[in-house]
C-alpha atoms as a PDB file:
ATOM      1  CA  MET A   1     106.518  38.378 123.847  1.00  0.00           C
ATOM      2  CA  ASP A   2     103.993  37.160 126.334  1.00  0.00           C
ATOM      3  CA  ALA A   3     104.809  33.956 124.149  1.00  0.00           C
ATOM      4  CA  CYS A   4     108.480  34.314 124.001  1.00  0.00           C
ATOM      5  CA  PRO A   5     110.794  32.205 126.758  1.00  0.00           C
ATOM      6  CA  PRO A   6     111.798  34.166 129.301  1.00  0.00           C
ATOM      7  CA  GLU A   7     115.869  32.732 127.666  1.00  0.00           C
ATOM      8  CA  TRP A   8     115.102  34.029 124.630  1.00  0.00           C
ATOM      9  CA  LYS A   9     113.549  37.768 125.337  1.00  0.00           C
ATOM     10  CA  GLY A  10     116.463  39.116 124.759  1.00  0.00           C
ATOM     11  CA  MET A  11     117.684  37.637 121.728  1.00  0.00           C
ATOM     12  CA  VAL A  12     114.370  38.787 120.544  1.00  0.00           C
ATOM     13  CA  TYR A  13     114.311  42.528 121.925  1.00  0.00           C
ATOM     14  CA  ALA A  14     117.977  42.909 120.331  1.00  0.00           C
ATOM     15  CA  GLY A  15     116.698  41.655 116.754  1.00  0.00           C
ATOM     16  CA  LEU A  16     113.806  43.956 116.659  1.00  0.00           C
ATOM     17  CA  TYR A  17     115.625  46.834 117.603  1.00  0.00           C
ATOM     18  CA  THR A  18     118.650  46.516 115.086  1.00  0.00           C
ATOM     19  CA  GLY A  19     116.943  44.778 112.438  1.00  0.00           C
ATOM     20  CA  GLN A  20     119.100  41.352 112.608  1.00  0.00           C
ATOM     21  CA  ARG A  21     119.369  38.073 111.792  1.00  0.00           C
ATOM     22  CA  LEU A  22     118.938  35.658 115.032  1.00  0.00           C
ATOM     23  CA  GLY A  23     121.898  34.058 113.287  1.00  0.00           C
ATOM     24  CA  ASP A  24     124.246  37.501 113.689  1.00  0.00           C
ATOM     25  CA  LEU A  25     123.122  37.809 117.118  1.00  0.00           C
ATOM     26  CA  SER A  26     124.152  34.553 118.543  1.00  0.00           C
ATOM     27  CA  ALA A  27     127.370  35.043 117.402  1.00  0.00           C
ATOM     28  CA  LEU A  28     128.176  38.764 119.293  1.00  0.00           C
ATOM     29  CA  THR A  29     130.456  38.877 122.258  1.00  0.00           C
ATOM     30  CA  TRP A  30     131.074  41.761 124.358  1.00  0.00           C
ATOM     31  CA  ARG A  31     134.651  42.484 122.404  1.00  0.00           C
ATOM     32  CA  SER A  32     131.760  43.463 119.681  1.00  0.00           C
ATOM     33  CA  ILE A  33     129.762  45.550 121.807  1.00  0.00           C
ATOM     34  CA  ASP A  34     131.468  49.765 122.264  1.00  0.00           C
ATOM     35  CA  LEU A  35     128.982  50.628 125.556  1.00  0.00           C
ATOM     36  CA  GLU A  36     131.304  54.170 125.659  1.00  0.00           C
ATOM     37  CA  ASN A  37     130.611  54.805 121.964  1.00  0.00           C
ATOM     38  CA  ARG A  38     126.922  52.676 122.928  1.00  0.00           C
ATOM     39  CA  THR A  39     127.911  50.819 119.348  1.00  0.00           C
ATOM     40  CA  ILE A  40     127.971  46.713 117.946  1.00  0.00           C
ATOM     41  CA  ALA A  41     130.425  45.883 115.827  1.00  0.00           C
ATOM     42  CA  ILE A  42     128.849  42.933 113.871  1.00  0.00           C
ATOM     43  CA  VAL A  43     130.357  41.600 110.152  1.00  0.00           C
ATOM     44  CA  THR A  44     126.761  39.526 109.109  1.00  0.00           C
ATOM     45  CA  LYS A  45     126.519  35.656 108.008  1.00  0.00           C
ATOM     46  CA  LYS A  46     124.772  36.723 104.842  1.00  0.00           C
ATOM     47  CA  THR A  47     126.612  39.233 103.589  1.00  0.00           C
ATOM     48  CA  GLY A  48     129.916  39.665 105.293  1.00  0.00           C
ATOM     49  CA  ARG A  49     129.666  43.276 104.822  1.00  0.00           C
ATOM     50  CA  PRO A  50     130.841  44.936 108.600  1.00  0.00           C
ATOM     51  CA  LEU A  51     128.304  46.785 110.134  1.00  0.00           C
ATOM     52  CA  THR A  52     128.292  49.156 112.902  1.00  0.00           C
ATOM     53  CA  LEU A  53     124.628  49.950 114.175  1.00  0.00           C
ATOM     54  CA  PRO A  54     123.970  52.541 117.347  1.00  0.00           C
ATOM     55  CA  ILE A  55     123.235  51.232 120.469  1.00  0.00           C
ATOM     56  CA  ASN A  56     120.014  53.243 121.289  1.00  0.00           C
ATOM     57  CA  ASP A  57     118.479  53.835 124.306  1.00  0.00           C
ATOM     58  CA  ASP A  58     114.677  51.169 124.066  1.00  0.00           C
ATOM     59  CA  GLU A  59     118.302  48.550 124.105  1.00  0.00           C
ATOM     60  CA  THR A  60     120.304  49.627 126.930  1.00  0.00           C
ATOM     61  CA  ASP A  61     116.790  49.531 128.899  1.00  0.00           C
ATOM     62  CA  ASP A  62     114.487  46.599 130.964  1.00  0.00           C
ATOM     63  CA  PRO A  63     111.825  46.255 128.872  1.00  0.00           C
END
């Protein structure tokens, strides 16, 4: 992660924790994130399938 530019670190961590592609993650909006239920709702660009991903404790902690 040291080689990663600071502005990309959050996106890289999100990709590592969720297993999603950069394009799917970059399309996220706050409307897609449900902090109360701790989920992220996305539609994958590759398959068009809707997914609901859990938000892990590690994803909400600062690395």
